[in-house]
Amino acid sequence: MPILENCRIKFYTNEAGKGAETEVFVGVRDDNDVIAAFVSDDFGDFEQHSDNGPFDLAIRNASEKVNLRGGSLHIGFDPKEEDIWRFNFFLFLSFTDGTRLNGGRVGVELNRDQREQTFRLNEIAR
């Protein structure tokens, strides 16, 4: 069975950038709710209309591809100010057999009232 070997995420920041001290959390869970990959960092300032990344997620569990298809991607942030971040993301998952699951979402917003969002991998990745 193909096992998760590499996980990366790339952001395109739209008209509302992320402050330099605002920490971002990204986690991938399989369909058993096991954390497969995770990263947490402030990544610096994400200016308006800029590409940011790709950033590597640390592999935490050797999840199988079949289990990840039914899993989820969680993106959250901890704003240090009145931060609003509008962005698109693209997720890259690579497996030991050379196959991939890639996908993303356009028009995501995080703010002080909505600090996190979760996306089903079977809805965003192919």
N, C-alpha and C. Protein backbone atom coordinates (compact mmCIF):
# COMPACT_ATOMS: atom_id res chain seq x y z
N MET A 1 0.84 -1.19 0.00
CA MET A 1 0.00 0.00 0.00
C MET A 1 0.89 1.25 0.00
N PRO A 2 0.54 2.25 -0.80
CA PRO A 2 1.30 3.50 -0.81
C PRO A 2 1.15 4.25 0.52
N ILE A 3 2.28 4.69 1.05
CA ILE A 3 2.36 5.40 2.33
C ILE A 3 2.77 6.85 2.07
N LEU A 4 2.22 7.78 2.86
CA LEU A 4 2.58 9.19 2.74
C LEU A 4 4.08 9.38 2.96
N GLU A 5 4.72 10.03 2.00
CA GLU A 5 6.16 10.24 2.03
C GLU A 5 6.53 11.72 2.17
N ASN A 6 5.71 12.58 1.57
CA ASN A 6 6.01 14.01 1.58
C ASN A 6 4.70 14.78 1.53
N CYS A 7 4.67 15.90 2.23
CA CYS A 7 3.48 16.76 2.24
C CYS A 7 3.94 18.21 2.27
N ARG A 8 3.38 19.01 1.34
CA ARG A 8 3.74 20.43 1.24
C ARG A 8 2.48 21.23 0.98
N ILE A 9 2.52 22.51 1.37
CA ILE A 9 1.42 23.41 1.09
C ILE A 9 1.97 24.74 0.60
N LYS A 10 1.26 25.32 -0.34
CA LYS A 10 1.64 26.62 -0.90
C LYS A 10 0.43 27.54 -0.80
N PHE A 11 0.69 28.80 -0.49
CA PHE A 11 -0.39 29.78 -0.37
C PHE A 11 -0.20 30.89 -1.40
N TYR A 12 -1.30 31.40 -1.91
CA TYR A 12 -1.31 32.63 -2.67
C TYR A 12 -2.18 33.59 -1.88
N THR A 13 -1.57 34.66 -1.38
CA THR A 13 -2.31 35.64 -0.58
C THR A 13 -2.98 36.63 -1.50
N ASN A 14 -4.26 36.83 -1.29
CA ASN A 14 -5.06 37.74 -2.11
C ASN A 14 -4.97 39.17 -1.59
N GLU A 15 -6.09 39.88 -1.51
CA GLU A 15 -6.07 41.31 -1.16
C GLU A 15 -5.91 41.61 0.32
N ALA A 16 -5.86 40.60 1.18
CA ALA A 16 -5.64 40.82 2.62
C ALA A 16 -4.51 39.91 3.07
N GLY A 17 -3.36 40.51 3.38
CA GLY A 17 -2.17 39.76 3.75
C GLY A 17 -2.18 39.32 5.21
N LYS A 18 -1.23 38.44 5.54
CA LYS A 18 -1.06 37.93 6.89
C LYS A 18 0.13 38.62 7.53
N GLY A 19 -0.04 39.08 8.77
CA GLY A 19 1.04 39.75 9.49
C GLY A 19 2.20 38.81 9.80
N ALA A 20 3.38 39.39 9.95
CA ALA A 20 4.61 38.63 10.15
C ALA A 20 4.59 37.78 11.42
N GLU A 21 3.89 38.20 12.46
CA GLU A 21 3.90 37.47 13.72
C GLU A 21 2.70 36.56 13.91
N THR A 22 1.80 36.53 12.94
CA THR A 22 0.64 35.65 13.02
C THR A 22 1.05 34.23 12.69
N GLU A 23 0.86 33.32 13.65
CA GLU A 23 1.25 31.93 13.46
C GLU A 23 0.18 31.17 12.67
N VAL A 24 0.65 30.30 11.78
CA VAL A 24 -0.22 29.47 10.95
C VAL A 24 -0.02 28.01 11.35
N PHE A 25 -1.12 27.27 11.42
CA PHE A 25 -1.10 25.84 11.74
C PHE A 25 -1.73 25.09 10.58
N VAL A 26 -1.06 24.06 10.09
CA VAL A 26 -1.60 23.24 9.01
C VAL A 26 -1.45 21.78 9.42
N GLY A 27 -2.56 21.05 9.38
CA GLY A 27 -2.52 19.63 9.72
C GLY A 27 -3.31 18.81 8.72
N VAL A 28 -2.78 17.64 8.40
CA VAL A 28 -3.46 16.67 7.56
C VAL A 28 -3.77 15.46 8.42
N ARG A 29 -5.05 15.06 8.42
CA ARG A 29 -5.48 13.89 9.19
C ARG A 29 -6.03 12.84 8.24
N ASP A 30 -5.82 11.58 8.59
CA ASP A 30 -6.41 10.52 7.77
C ASP A 30 -7.84 10.26 8.22
N ASP A 31 -8.51 9.30 7.60
CA ASP A 31 -9.91 9.07 7.92
C ASP A 31 -10.13 8.39 9.27
N ASN A 32 -9.03 8.03 9.95
CA ASN A 32 -9.10 7.52 11.33
C ASN A 32 -8.84 8.63 12.33
N ASP A 33 -8.76 9.89 11.86
CA ASP A 33 -8.49 11.08 12.65
C ASP A 33 -7.08 11.09 13.26
N VAL A 34 -6.16 10.39 12.61
CA VAL A 34 -4.76 10.36 13.02
C VAL A 34 -4.02 11.46 12.27
N ILE A 35 -3.21 12.24 12.98
CA ILE A 35 -2.43 13.30 12.33
C ILE A 35 -1.35 12.65 11.47
N ALA A 36 -1.44 12.87 10.17
CA ALA A 36 -0.47 12.33 9.22
C ALA A 36 0.70 13.29 9.02
N ALA A 37 0.41 14.60 8.96
CA ALA A 37 1.45 15.61 8.72
C ALA A 37 1.02 16.92 9.38
N PHE A 38 2.01 17.71 9.82
CA PHE A 38 1.70 18.93 10.56
C PHE A 38 2.84 19.93 10.42
N VAL A 39 2.48 21.22 10.41
CA VAL A 39 3.46 22.30 10.52
C VAL A 39 2.81 23.46 11.27
N SER A 40 3.63 24.17 12.02
CA SER A 40 3.20 25.37 12.73
C SER A 40 4.36 26.36 12.71
N ASP A 41 4.09 27.55 12.19
CA ASP A 41 5.15 28.56 12.06
C ASP A 41 4.49 29.89 11.73
N ASP A 42 5.20 31.00 11.94
CA ASP A 42 4.64 32.28 11.51
C ASP A 42 4.96 32.55 10.03
N PHE A 43 5.96 31.89 9.48
CA PHE A 43 6.36 31.98 8.08
C PHE A 43 6.66 33.40 7.61
N GLY A 44 6.64 34.38 8.50
CA GLY A 44 6.91 35.76 8.11
C GLY A 44 5.68 36.45 7.53
N ASP A 45 5.90 37.60 6.96
CA ASP A 45 4.84 38.43 6.40
C ASP A 45 4.40 37.88 5.05
N PHE A 46 3.09 37.74 4.86
CA PHE A 46 2.53 37.37 3.56
C PHE A 46 1.86 38.62 3.00
N GLU A 47 2.54 39.28 2.09
CA GLU A 47 2.02 40.52 1.52
C GLU A 47 0.86 40.23 0.58
N GLN A 48 0.06 41.26 0.32
CA GLN A 48 -1.04 41.13 -0.63
C GLN A 48 -0.52 40.67 -1.99
N HIS A 49 -1.31 39.81 -2.63
CA HIS A 49 -1.01 39.33 -3.99
C HIS A 49 0.40 38.75 -4.09
N SER A 50 0.70 37.80 -3.18
CA SER A 50 2.02 37.18 -3.18
C SER A 50 1.92 35.67 -3.05
N ASP A 51 2.92 34.98 -3.65
CA ASP A 51 3.07 33.54 -3.47
C ASP A 51 3.89 33.30 -2.21
N ASN A 52 3.49 32.30 -1.44
CA ASN A 52 4.18 31.98 -0.19
C ASN A 52 4.32 30.46 -0.09
N GLY A 53 5.55 30.00 -0.04
CA GLY A 53 5.81 28.57 0.04
C GLY A 53 6.36 28.05 -1.27
N PRO A 54 6.37 26.75 -1.44
CA PRO A 54 5.71 25.75 -0.61
C PRO A 54 6.45 25.50 0.70
N PHE A 55 5.68 25.10 1.72
CA PHE A 55 6.18 24.79 3.05
C PHE A 55 5.99 23.30 3.30
N ASP A 56 7.03 22.68 3.85
CA ASP A 56 6.97 21.25 4.18
C ASP A 56 6.23 21.02 5.48
N LEU A 57 5.38 20.03 5.50
CA LEU A 57 4.75 19.56 6.72
C LEU A 57 5.55 18.36 7.20
N ALA A 58 5.78 18.27 8.50
CA ALA A 58 6.48 17.11 9.07
C ALA A 58 5.55 15.91 9.05
N ILE A 59 6.04 14.78 8.56
CA ILE A 59 5.25 13.55 8.55
C ILE A 59 5.22 13.03 9.98
N ARG A 60 4.03 12.87 10.53
CA ARG A 60 3.85 12.39 11.91
C ARG A 60 3.42 10.94 11.97
N ASN A 61 2.78 10.45 10.91
CA ASN A 61 2.27 9.09 10.89
C ASN A 61 2.36 8.56 9.46
N ALA A 62 2.74 7.32 9.34
CA ALA A 62 2.85 6.70 8.01
C ALA A 62 1.47 6.29 7.51
N SER A 63 0.66 7.28 7.21
CA SER A 63 -0.72 7.02 6.76
C SER A 63 -0.74 6.50 5.34
N GLU A 64 -1.66 5.58 5.09
CA GLU A 64 -1.82 5.03 3.75
C GLU A 64 -2.67 5.96 2.90
N LYS A 65 -2.40 5.93 1.60
CA LYS A 65 -3.11 6.79 0.65
C LYS A 65 -4.62 6.57 0.73
N VAL A 66 -5.04 5.32 0.83
CA VAL A 66 -6.47 5.02 0.89
C VAL A 66 -7.13 5.68 2.11
N ASN A 67 -6.41 5.77 3.22
CA ASN A 67 -6.95 6.42 4.42
C ASN A 67 -6.92 7.94 4.33
N LEU A 68 -5.95 8.46 3.59
CA LEU A 68 -5.87 9.92 3.44
C LEU A 68 -6.94 10.46 2.52
N ARG A 69 -7.36 9.69 1.54
CA ARG A 69 -8.42 10.16 0.63
C ARG A 69 -9.68 10.58 1.40
N GLY A 70 -9.97 9.90 2.49
CA GLY A 70 -11.14 10.23 3.30
C GLY A 70 -10.80 11.14 4.48
N GLY A 71 -9.59 11.66 4.50
CA GLY A 71 -9.14 12.49 5.61
C GLY A 71 -9.47 13.96 5.42
N SER A 72 -8.72 14.81 6.13
CA SER A 72 -9.01 16.23 6.10
C SER A 72 -7.74 17.07 6.21
N LEU A 73 -7.87 18.31 5.77
CA LEU A 73 -6.83 19.32 5.90
C LEU A 73 -7.39 20.40 6.81
N HIS A 74 -6.63 20.76 7.83
CA HIS A 74 -7.04 21.79 8.77
C HIS A 74 -6.04 22.94 8.68
N ILE A 75 -6.54 24.16 8.45
CA ILE A 75 -5.70 25.36 8.42
C ILE A 75 -6.24 26.32 9.46
N GLY A 76 -5.35 26.79 10.33
CA GLY A 76 -5.75 27.75 11.34
C GLY A 76 -4.67 28.79 11.54
N PHE A 77 -5.04 29.87 12.23
CA PHE A 77 -4.02 30.86 12.54
C PHE A 77 -4.32 31.54 13.86
N ASP A 78 -3.27 32.14 14.44
CA ASP A 78 -3.36 32.83 15.72
C ASP A 78 -2.93 34.27 15.48
N PRO A 79 -3.90 35.15 15.14
CA PRO A 79 -3.55 36.54 14.82
C PRO A 79 -3.07 37.30 16.05
N LYS A 80 -2.01 38.06 15.88
CA LYS A 80 -1.46 38.87 16.97
C LYS A 80 -2.07 40.27 16.97
N GLU A 81 -2.72 40.63 15.89
CA GLU A 81 -3.38 41.93 15.75
C GLU A 81 -4.74 41.69 15.13
N GLU A 82 -5.36 42.73 14.64
CA GLU A 82 -6.63 42.61 13.90
C GLU A 82 -6.31 42.11 12.49
N ASP A 83 -5.88 40.88 12.42
CA ASP A 83 -5.41 40.33 11.16
C ASP A 83 -6.55 39.62 10.42
N ILE A 84 -6.67 39.89 9.14
CA ILE A 84 -7.55 39.16 8.23
C ILE A 84 -6.65 38.64 7.11
N TRP A 85 -6.77 37.36 6.83
CA TRP A 85 -5.94 36.76 5.80
C TRP A 85 -6.85 36.12 4.77
N ARG A 86 -6.76 36.60 3.53
CA ARG A 86 -7.52 36.02 2.41
C ARG A 86 -6.52 35.37 1.46
N PHE A 87 -6.78 34.11 1.14
CA PHE A 87 -5.77 33.35 0.40
C PHE A 87 -6.39 32.18 -0.36
N ASN A 88 -5.57 31.64 -1.25
CA ASN A 88 -5.82 30.38 -1.92
C ASN A 88 -4.73 29.44 -1.41
N PHE A 89 -4.99 28.14 -1.43
CA PHE A 89 -3.94 27.20 -1.07
C PHE A 89 -3.90 26.05 -2.05
N PHE A 90 -2.73 25.43 -2.12
CA PHE A 90 -2.55 24.23 -2.93
C PHE A 90 -1.76 23.24 -2.11
N LEU A 91 -2.30 22.03 -1.93
CA LEU A 91 -1.71 20.98 -1.11
C LEU A 91 -1.13 19.90 -2.02
N PHE A 92 0.08 19.43 -1.67
CA PHE A 92 0.77 18.39 -2.42
C PHE A 92 1.04 17.21 -1.48
N LEU A 93 0.53 16.03 -1.78
CA LEU A 93 0.81 14.82 -1.02
C LEU A 93 1.51 13.83 -1.95
N SER A 94 2.67 13.32 -1.56
CA SER A 94 3.42 12.34 -2.35
C SER A 94 3.51 11.03 -1.57
N PHE A 95 3.47 9.92 -2.31
CA PHE A 95 3.43 8.61 -1.67
C PHE A 95 4.60 7.74 -2.12
N THR A 96 4.86 6.69 -1.36
CA THR A 96 6.04 5.83 -1.59
C THR A 96 6.03 5.14 -2.94
N ASP A 97 4.88 5.02 -3.58
CA ASP A 97 4.82 4.37 -4.89
C ASP A 97 4.94 5.37 -6.04
N GLY A 98 5.23 6.64 -5.72
CA GLY A 98 5.39 7.67 -6.74
C GLY A 98 4.11 8.39 -7.12
N THR A 99 2.98 7.97 -6.57
CA THR A 99 1.72 8.65 -6.87
C THR A 99 1.56 9.89 -6.00
N ARG A 100 0.58 10.72 -6.38
CA ARG A 100 0.34 11.98 -5.68
C ARG A 100 -1.15 12.23 -5.52
N LEU A 101 -1.47 13.02 -4.52
CA LEU A 101 -2.78 13.65 -4.39
C LEU A 101 -2.49 15.14 -4.29
N ASN A 102 -3.06 15.94 -5.16
CA ASN A 102 -2.84 17.37 -5.17
C ASN A 102 -4.19 18.06 -5.28
N GLY A 103 -4.31 19.22 -4.68
CA GLY A 103 -5.53 19.98 -4.81
C GLY A 103 -5.50 21.21 -3.94
N GLY A 104 -6.52 22.01 -4.05
CA GLY A 104 -6.55 23.23 -3.28
C GLY A 104 -7.91 23.86 -3.25
N ARG A 105 -7.91 25.08 -2.78
CA ARG A 105 -9.14 25.84 -2.66
C ARG A 105 -8.82 27.32 -2.89
N VAL A 106 -9.74 28.02 -3.51
CA VAL A 106 -9.61 29.45 -3.81
C VAL A 106 -10.59 30.21 -2.92
N GLY A 107 -10.17 31.39 -2.47
CA GLY A 107 -11.08 32.28 -1.75
C GLY A 107 -11.32 31.94 -0.30
N VAL A 108 -10.29 31.50 0.42
CA VAL A 108 -10.39 31.17 1.84
C VAL A 108 -10.11 32.44 2.64
N GLU A 109 -10.81 32.59 3.75
CA GLU A 109 -10.54 33.72 4.66
C GLU A 109 -10.46 33.23 6.09
N LEU A 110 -9.43 33.70 6.81
CA LEU A 110 -9.33 33.51 8.24
C LEU A 110 -9.28 34.89 8.88
N ASN A 111 -9.92 35.02 10.04
CA ASN A 111 -9.93 36.30 10.76
C ASN A 111 -10.09 36.02 12.25
N ARG A 112 -10.20 37.07 13.06
CA ARG A 112 -10.29 36.89 14.51
C ARG A 112 -11.53 36.11 14.93
N ASP A 113 -12.60 36.18 14.16
CA ASP A 113 -13.82 35.45 14.50
C ASP A 113 -13.83 34.03 13.93
N GLN A 114 -13.16 33.82 12.84
CA GLN A 114 -13.05 32.48 12.24
C GLN A 114 -11.58 32.19 12.03
N ARG A 115 -10.97 31.57 13.04
CA ARG A 115 -9.52 31.36 13.05
C ARG A 115 -9.08 30.06 12.41
N GLU A 116 -10.03 29.24 11.98
CA GLU A 116 -9.65 27.96 11.38
C GLU A 116 -10.72 27.47 10.42
N GLN A 117 -10.28 26.63 9.48
CA GLN A 117 -11.19 25.97 8.55
C GLN A 117 -10.67 24.57 8.28
N THR A 118 -11.60 23.67 8.03
CA THR A 118 -11.26 22.28 7.72
C THR A 118 -11.85 21.93 6.36
N PHE A 119 -11.07 21.21 5.57
CA PHE A 119 -11.47 20.82 4.22
C PHE A 119 -11.31 19.31 4.09
N ARG A 120 -12.29 18.64 3.53
CA ARG A 120 -12.23 17.20 3.27
C ARG A 120 -11.29 16.97 2.08
N LEU A 121 -10.33 16.07 2.24
CA LEU A 121 -9.37 15.82 1.17
C LEU A 121 -10.05 15.26 -0.08
N ASN A 122 -11.08 14.46 0.08
CA ASN A 122 -11.75 13.90 -1.10
C ASN A 122 -12.53 14.97 -1.89
N GLU A 123 -12.67 16.17 -1.33
CA GLU A 123 -13.34 17.28 -2.03
C GLU A 123 -12.33 18.23 -2.69
N ILE A 124 -11.08 18.21 -2.23
CA ILE A 124 -10.11 19.16 -2.79
C ILE A 124 -8.95 18.50 -3.53
N ALA A 125 -8.68 17.22 -3.29
CA ALA A 125 -7.48 16.59 -3.86
C ALA A 125 -7.85 15.51 -4.88
N ARG A 126 -7.06 15.46 -5.93
CA ARG A 126 -7.20 14.43 -6.98
C ARG A 126 -5.86 13.78 -7.23
